Amino acid sequence: MKGKNLEELLNKKIKLTTFNGNEYEGIVIGYVPAQDNEPEIEEISIQNAKDNKTYSLFENEVKSIEIL
């Protein structure tokens, strides 16, 4: 999701939708900047409220983010 500073979402409650239609709602608990990741793509981790699992998603998988 180009143009969105994913690091600013840390500790915020969000609703995230991926390009393949998956939806996650919960708290962003982790962030990895592109330069520290392989491949060099930003990544966030969200604690999903629905199933209490943690999901890590690359920036290019994210279609939309709504801050709740």
N, C-alpha and C. Protein backbone atom coordinates (compact mmCIF):
# COMPACT_ATOMS: atom_id res chain seq x y z
N MET A 1 0.84 -1.16 0.00
CA MET A 1 0.00 0.00 0.00
C MET A 1 0.89 1.23 0.00
N LYS A 2 1.29 1.64 -1.16
CA LYS A 2 2.20 2.78 -1.32
C LYS A 2 1.56 4.06 -0.80
N GLY A 3 2.41 4.92 -0.23
CA GLY A 3 1.94 6.21 0.24
C GLY A 3 1.53 6.24 1.70
N LYS A 4 1.37 5.08 2.32
CA LYS A 4 0.96 5.01 3.73
C LYS A 4 2.20 4.67 4.55
N ASN A 5 2.49 5.45 5.58
CA ASN A 5 3.62 5.15 6.45
C ASN A 5 3.17 4.09 7.45
N LEU A 6 3.53 2.85 7.17
CA LEU A 6 3.07 1.73 7.99
C LEU A 6 3.58 1.81 9.42
N GLU A 7 4.75 2.41 9.61
CA GLU A 7 5.32 2.51 10.97
C GLU A 7 4.41 3.34 11.88
N GLU A 8 3.71 4.31 11.33
CA GLU A 8 2.82 5.15 12.13
C GLU A 8 1.61 4.38 12.66
N LEU A 9 1.37 3.18 12.14
CA LEU A 9 0.24 2.37 12.58
C LEU A 9 0.53 1.53 13.82
N LEU A 10 1.78 1.49 14.26
CA LEU A 10 2.14 0.70 15.44
C LEU A 10 1.24 1.05 16.62
N ASN A 11 0.72 0.03 17.27
CA ASN A 11 -0.13 0.15 18.46
C ASN A 11 -1.50 0.77 18.19
N LYS A 12 -1.87 0.90 16.92
CA LYS A 12 -3.19 1.41 16.58
C LYS A 12 -4.10 0.26 16.18
N LYS A 13 -5.41 0.44 16.42
CA LYS A 13 -6.40 -0.54 15.99
C LYS A 13 -6.79 -0.20 14.56
N ILE A 14 -6.69 -1.21 13.68
CA ILE A 14 -6.98 -0.99 12.27
C ILE A 14 -7.87 -2.09 11.70
N LYS A 15 -8.42 -1.81 10.55
CA LYS A 15 -9.07 -2.82 9.73
C LYS A 15 -8.30 -2.84 8.42
N LEU A 16 -7.78 -4.00 8.06
CA LEU A 16 -6.92 -4.15 6.90
C LEU A 16 -7.55 -5.14 5.93
N THR A 17 -7.56 -4.80 4.65
CA THR A 17 -8.05 -5.69 3.61
C THR A 17 -6.92 -5.96 2.63
N THR A 18 -6.74 -7.24 2.28
CA THR A 18 -5.70 -7.61 1.32
C THR A 18 -6.28 -7.69 -0.09
N PHE A 19 -5.40 -7.72 -1.08
CA PHE A 19 -5.83 -7.82 -2.47
C PHE A 19 -6.56 -9.13 -2.76
N ASN A 20 -6.29 -10.18 -1.98
CA ASN A 20 -7.00 -11.45 -2.21
C ASN A 20 -8.28 -11.57 -1.39
N GLY A 21 -8.70 -10.47 -0.73
CA GLY A 21 -10.00 -10.43 -0.07
C GLY A 21 -10.02 -10.76 1.40
N ASN A 22 -8.88 -11.09 1.99
CA ASN A 22 -8.85 -11.37 3.43
C ASN A 22 -8.97 -10.06 4.20
N GLU A 23 -9.69 -10.13 5.32
CA GLU A 23 -9.83 -8.96 6.19
C GLU A 23 -9.32 -9.28 7.59
N TYR A 24 -8.60 -8.33 8.16
CA TYR A 24 -8.06 -8.46 9.51
C TYR A 24 -8.43 -7.20 10.27
N GLU A 25 -8.79 -7.37 11.54
CA GLU A 25 -9.10 -6.23 12.39
C GLU A 25 -8.44 -6.46 13.73
N GLY A 26 -7.64 -5.50 14.15
CA GLY A 26 -6.96 -5.63 15.42
C GLY A 26 -5.87 -4.60 15.59
N ILE A 27 -4.96 -4.88 16.50
CA ILE A 27 -3.88 -3.96 16.86
C ILE A 27 -2.61 -4.31 16.08
N VAL A 28 -1.98 -3.28 15.52
CA VAL A 28 -0.69 -3.48 14.85
C VAL A 28 0.38 -3.62 15.93
N ILE A 29 1.02 -4.78 15.96
CA ILE A 29 1.98 -5.07 17.03
C ILE A 29 3.43 -5.13 16.55
N GLY A 30 3.64 -5.02 15.23
CA GLY A 30 5.00 -5.09 14.73
C GLY A 30 5.16 -4.39 13.40
N TYR A 31 6.37 -3.92 13.15
CA TYR A 31 6.70 -3.24 11.90
C TYR A 31 8.14 -3.57 11.53
N VAL A 32 8.38 -3.88 10.25
CA VAL A 32 9.73 -4.11 9.75
C VAL A 32 9.92 -3.20 8.54
N PRO A 33 10.91 -2.26 8.60
CA PRO A 33 11.14 -1.39 7.45
C PRO A 33 11.71 -2.17 6.27
N ALA A 34 11.52 -1.63 5.09
CA ALA A 34 11.93 -2.31 3.86
C ALA A 34 13.42 -2.68 3.88
N GLN A 35 14.28 -1.77 4.33
CA GLN A 35 15.72 -2.02 4.29
C GLN A 35 16.15 -3.14 5.23
N ASP A 36 15.30 -3.49 6.20
CA ASP A 36 15.62 -4.58 7.14
C ASP A 36 14.93 -5.89 6.77
N ASN A 37 14.29 -5.94 5.62
CA ASN A 37 13.50 -7.09 5.24
C ASN A 37 14.01 -7.68 3.94
N GLU A 38 13.80 -8.95 3.75
CA GLU A 38 14.14 -9.64 2.49
C GLU A 38 12.91 -10.39 2.02
N PRO A 39 12.29 -10.01 0.94
CA PRO A 39 12.66 -8.94 0.01
C PRO A 39 12.45 -7.56 0.64
N GLU A 40 13.01 -6.54 0.02
CA GLU A 40 12.96 -5.19 0.59
C GLU A 40 11.58 -4.56 0.42
N ILE A 41 10.65 -5.04 1.24
CA ILE A 41 9.27 -4.55 1.27
C ILE A 41 8.89 -4.37 2.73
N GLU A 42 8.21 -3.25 3.04
CA GLU A 42 7.75 -3.04 4.41
C GLU A 42 6.79 -4.15 4.83
N GLU A 43 6.78 -4.42 6.12
CA GLU A 43 5.93 -5.49 6.66
C GLU A 43 5.34 -5.04 7.99
N ILE A 44 4.06 -5.35 8.21
CA ILE A 44 3.45 -5.11 9.52
C ILE A 44 2.87 -6.41 10.05
N SER A 45 2.75 -6.47 11.36
CA SER A 45 2.12 -7.61 12.03
C SER A 45 0.91 -7.10 12.78
N ILE A 46 -0.19 -7.83 12.63
CA ILE A 46 -1.44 -7.44 13.27
C ILE A 46 -1.95 -8.60 14.13
N GLN A 47 -2.36 -8.27 15.35
CA GLN A 47 -3.00 -9.24 16.24
C GLN A 47 -4.49 -9.22 15.90
N ASN A 48 -4.94 -10.22 15.16
CA ASN A 48 -6.30 -10.26 14.65
C ASN A 48 -7.29 -10.57 15.78
N ALA A 49 -8.26 -9.69 15.97
CA ALA A 49 -9.23 -9.85 17.07
C ALA A 49 -10.14 -11.05 16.86
N LYS A 50 -10.43 -11.38 15.62
CA LYS A 50 -11.40 -12.43 15.33
C LYS A 50 -10.93 -13.81 15.81
N ASP A 51 -9.66 -14.14 15.56
CA ASP A 51 -9.16 -15.46 15.94
C ASP A 51 -7.96 -15.41 16.90
N ASN A 52 -7.59 -14.20 17.34
CA ASN A 52 -6.50 -13.99 18.27
C ASN A 52 -5.16 -14.52 17.76
N LYS A 53 -4.99 -14.56 16.44
CA LYS A 53 -3.72 -14.96 15.83
C LYS A 53 -2.99 -13.73 15.31
N THR A 54 -1.68 -13.86 15.18
CA THR A 54 -0.87 -12.78 14.64
C THR A 54 -0.57 -13.07 13.18
N TYR A 55 -0.78 -12.07 12.33
CA TYR A 55 -0.53 -12.19 10.90
C TYR A 55 0.47 -11.11 10.49
N SER A 56 1.46 -11.50 9.68
CA SER A 56 2.42 -10.56 9.12
C SER A 56 2.12 -10.41 7.64
N LEU A 57 2.04 -9.16 7.21
CA LEU A 57 1.67 -8.87 5.83
C LEU A 57 2.64 -7.87 5.22
N PHE A 58 3.04 -8.15 3.97
CA PHE A 58 3.88 -7.23 3.23
C PHE A 58 3.05 -6.09 2.68
N GLU A 59 3.68 -4.93 2.53
CA GLU A 59 3.02 -3.73 2.02
C GLU A 59 2.30 -3.99 0.69
N ASN A 60 2.90 -4.80 -0.18
CA ASN A 60 2.31 -5.04 -1.50
C ASN A 60 1.13 -6.01 -1.47
N GLU A 61 0.80 -6.56 -0.30
CA GLU A 61 -0.37 -7.42 -0.15
C GLU A 61 -1.59 -6.64 0.33
N VAL A 62 -1.37 -5.40 0.79
CA VAL A 62 -2.41 -4.61 1.44
C VAL A 62 -3.15 -3.74 0.42
N LYS A 63 -4.46 -3.96 0.36
CA LYS A 63 -5.31 -3.15 -0.52
C LYS A 63 -5.77 -1.88 0.17
N SER A 64 -6.21 -2.01 1.44
CA SER A 64 -6.69 -0.83 2.15
C SER A 64 -6.48 -1.00 3.66
N ILE A 65 -6.34 0.15 4.32
CA ILE A 65 -6.21 0.20 5.78
C ILE A 65 -7.11 1.31 6.29
N GLU A 66 -7.88 0.97 7.31
CA GLU A 66 -8.74 1.95 7.98
C GLU A 66 -8.35 1.98 9.44
N ILE A 67 -8.05 3.15 9.97
CA ILE A 67 -7.74 3.28 11.40
C ILE A 67 -9.06 3.38 12.15
N LEU A 68 -9.22 2.53 13.16
CA LEU A 68 -10.48 2.48 13.92
C LEU A 68 -10.39 3.25 15.22
